[in-house]
Amino acid sequence: MVTSVAITVVGSIIIYALAAGITTYAASRDREDDFAPMRIAAVRIARDLREIRSPGAVISAAPDRLTYRDTADREVTYQFAGGTLRRNGRTLLSDIAGFEFIYRGRAGERIVPPAVEPNFADLGAVGIQMTAHAGGMKETIETTVCPRMLRE
């Protein structure tokens, strides 16, 4: 009888621990999902930035705005204002705590606008930095893209 009670108590503890672990895992996975739109937007922006055809294709550059011509000679404008990131006037992502374009020279040094304008010949890479808050957590994504045409 004592053995049966001991096995029942140990089994109950193991089941409780497994249930708590599953609950914790599900909660952490759900928190990561809160930042999925920001990660998707970062990938899309990086893909678009690879389409900059030459330093001369950059029309204007600022920490919150970038306008350039892509390889198909289409004008593309990204602009961040009031927590919303827009691509050619259409909302790409909203409720962002912070966003910034980071410009780098051919040697990798940071170029701060307006030093970038009007001479974009030294532009070697364009980066983005986005920050969002969700569920009491903060996540920052930073990526740098070196368009093929800027290396030539």
Protein backbone atom coordinates (compact mmCIF):
# COMPACT_ATOMS: atom_id res chain seq x y z
CA MET A 1 0.00 0.00 0.00
CA VAL A 2 2.84 2.41 0.85
CA THR A 3 4.48 1.55 -2.47
CA SER A 4 1.27 2.33 -4.36
CA VAL A 5 0.94 5.72 -2.65
CA ALA A 6 4.62 6.53 -3.35
CA ILE A 7 4.26 5.59 -7.04
CA THR A 8 1.10 7.71 -7.30
CA VAL A 9 2.80 10.73 -5.70
CA VAL A 10 5.92 10.42 -7.90
CA GLY A 11 3.76 9.95 -11.01
CA SER A 12 1.69 13.02 -10.14
CA ILE A 13 4.85 15.12 -9.72
CA ILE A 14 6.19 13.95 -13.10
CA ILE A 15 2.89 14.70 -14.87
CA TYR A 16 2.75 18.17 -13.24
CA ALA A 17 6.33 18.92 -14.34
CA LEU A 18 5.60 17.84 -17.93
CA ALA A 19 2.43 19.95 -18.04
CA ALA A 20 4.32 22.99 -16.73
CA GLY A 21 7.06 22.48 -19.34
CA ILE A 22 4.56 22.26 -22.18
CA THR A 23 2.79 25.41 -20.97
CA THR A 24 6.07 27.31 -20.75
CA TYR A 25 7.14 26.16 -24.22
CA ALA A 26 3.81 27.21 -25.76
CA ALA A 27 3.96 30.64 -24.09
CA SER A 28 7.51 31.31 -25.34
CA ARG A 29 6.60 30.18 -28.86
CA ASP A 30 3.59 32.51 -28.87
CA ARG A 31 5.78 35.44 -27.79
CA GLU A 32 8.15 34.77 -30.69
CA ASP A 33 5.18 34.80 -33.06
CA ASP A 34 4.44 38.37 -31.97
CA PHE A 35 7.60 39.49 -33.78
CA ALA A 36 7.07 37.42 -36.95
CA PRO A 37 5.66 40.36 -39.00
CA MET A 38 8.79 42.40 -38.20
CA ARG A 39 11.07 39.56 -39.30
CA ILE A 40 9.10 39.12 -42.53
CA ALA A 41 9.28 42.87 -43.24
CA ALA A 42 13.06 42.85 -42.65
CA VAL A 43 13.50 40.05 -45.18
CA ARG A 44 11.36 41.88 -47.74
CA ILE A 45 13.26 45.15 -47.31
CA ALA A 46 16.61 43.34 -47.61
CA ARG A 47 15.43 41.67 -50.81
CA ASP A 48 14.33 45.04 -52.20
CA LEU A 49 17.59 46.75 -51.24
CA ARG A 50 19.51 44.16 -53.25
CA GLU A 51 17.76 45.64 -56.30
CA ILE A 52 19.59 48.99 -56.05
CA ARG A 53 21.25 49.09 -59.44
CA SER A 54 24.06 51.60 -58.79
CA PRO A 55 25.08 54.37 -56.41
CA GLY A 56 23.55 56.79 -58.93
CA ALA A 57 20.21 55.04 -58.55
CA VAL A 58 19.89 56.35 -54.98
CA ILE A 59 17.69 59.42 -55.18
CA SER A 60 17.58 60.41 -51.51
CA ALA A 61 18.82 58.91 -48.27
CA ALA A 62 17.97 59.76 -44.68
CA PRO A 63 17.70 57.72 -41.48
CA ASP A 64 13.91 57.50 -41.86
CA ARG A 65 13.59 57.52 -45.65
CA LEU A 66 15.26 55.95 -48.68
CA THR A 67 14.32 56.47 -52.32
CA TYR A 68 16.09 54.64 -55.15
CA ARG A 69 15.60 53.15 -58.60
CA ASP A 70 15.65 49.36 -58.75
CA THR A 71 17.07 47.16 -61.51
CA ALA A 72 13.78 47.48 -63.46
CA ASP A 73 14.12 51.30 -63.28
CA ARG A 74 11.16 51.63 -60.91
CA GLU A 75 11.29 54.20 -58.13
CA VAL A 76 11.01 52.65 -54.66
CA THR A 77 10.51 54.72 -51.52
CA TYR A 78 10.63 53.42 -47.96
CA GLN A 79 9.54 55.89 -45.29
CA PHE A 80 9.13 55.52 -41.52
CA ALA A 81 6.91 57.95 -39.63
CA GLY A 82 4.69 57.69 -36.57
CA GLY A 83 5.47 54.04 -35.91
CA THR A 84 4.50 52.99 -39.45
CA LEU A 85 6.82 51.83 -42.22
CA ARG A 86 5.56 52.46 -45.75
CA ARG A 87 6.77 51.25 -49.12
CA ASN A 88 5.69 53.55 -51.96
CA GLY A 89 2.99 54.97 -49.70
CA ARG A 90 1.48 51.61 -48.73
CA THR A 91 1.77 50.37 -45.15
CA LEU A 92 4.29 47.57 -44.84
CA LEU A 93 4.41 47.38 -41.04
CA SER A 94 2.81 49.34 -38.22
CA ASP A 95 3.32 49.62 -34.47
CA ILE A 96 7.12 49.73 -34.74
CA ALA A 97 8.94 51.34 -31.82
CA GLY A 98 11.92 52.37 -33.95
CA PHE A 99 13.28 52.16 -37.48
CA GLU A 100 16.42 53.49 -39.10
CA PHE A 101 18.32 53.11 -42.35
CA ILE A 102 22.06 52.78 -41.77
CA TYR A 103 24.37 53.74 -44.64
CA ARG A 104 27.87 52.36 -44.95
CA GLY A 105 30.76 53.27 -47.22
CA ARG A 106 32.74 50.85 -49.34
CA ALA A 107 35.14 50.22 -46.45
CA GLY A 108 32.24 49.46 -44.08
CA GLU A 109 32.38 52.75 -42.19
CA ARG A 110 29.09 54.37 -41.23
CA ILE A 111 28.04 57.35 -43.33
CA VAL A 112 25.63 59.69 -41.58
CA PRO A 113 23.19 61.66 -43.75
CA PRO A 114 23.34 64.35 -44.98
CA ALA A 115 26.99 63.37 -45.66
CA VAL A 116 25.60 60.71 -47.98
CA GLU A 117 23.86 63.27 -50.17
CA PRO A 118 24.34 64.44 -52.87
CA ASN A 119 27.31 62.17 -53.64
CA PHE A 120 26.30 58.53 -53.36
CA ALA A 121 29.45 57.25 -55.10
CA ASP A 122 30.95 56.08 -51.80
CA LEU A 123 27.82 54.19 -50.75
CA GLY A 124 28.66 50.51 -50.37
CA ALA A 125 25.89 49.06 -48.22
CA VAL A 126 22.52 49.91 -46.76
CA GLY A 127 21.30 48.49 -43.48
CA ILE A 128 18.10 48.55 -41.52
CA GLN A 129 17.45 48.49 -37.81
CA MET A 130 13.93 47.85 -36.50
CA THR A 131 12.69 47.63 -32.92
CA ALA A 132 9.30 46.45 -31.71
CA HIS A 133 7.67 45.78 -28.34
CA ALA A 134 5.12 43.01 -27.76
CA GLY A 135 3.95 41.13 -24.70
CA GLY A 136 6.35 42.96 -22.41
CA MET A 137 9.30 41.96 -24.61
CA LYS A 138 11.50 43.96 -26.95
CA GLU A 139 13.16 42.73 -30.13
CA THR A 140 15.58 44.53 -32.42
CA ILE A 141 16.48 43.31 -35.89
CA GLU A 142 19.50 44.71 -37.69
CA THR A 143 20.63 43.62 -41.11
CA THR A 144 23.01 45.07 -43.69
CA VAL A 145 22.62 44.53 -47.40
CA CYS A 146 25.42 45.04 -49.90
CA PRO A 147 23.71 45.29 -53.29
CA ARG A 148 25.75 43.67 -56.02
CA MET A 149 25.73 46.82 -58.15
CA LEU A 150 27.21 48.95 -55.36
CA ARG A 151 30.29 46.71 -55.18
CA GLU A 152 31.28 47.32 -58.78
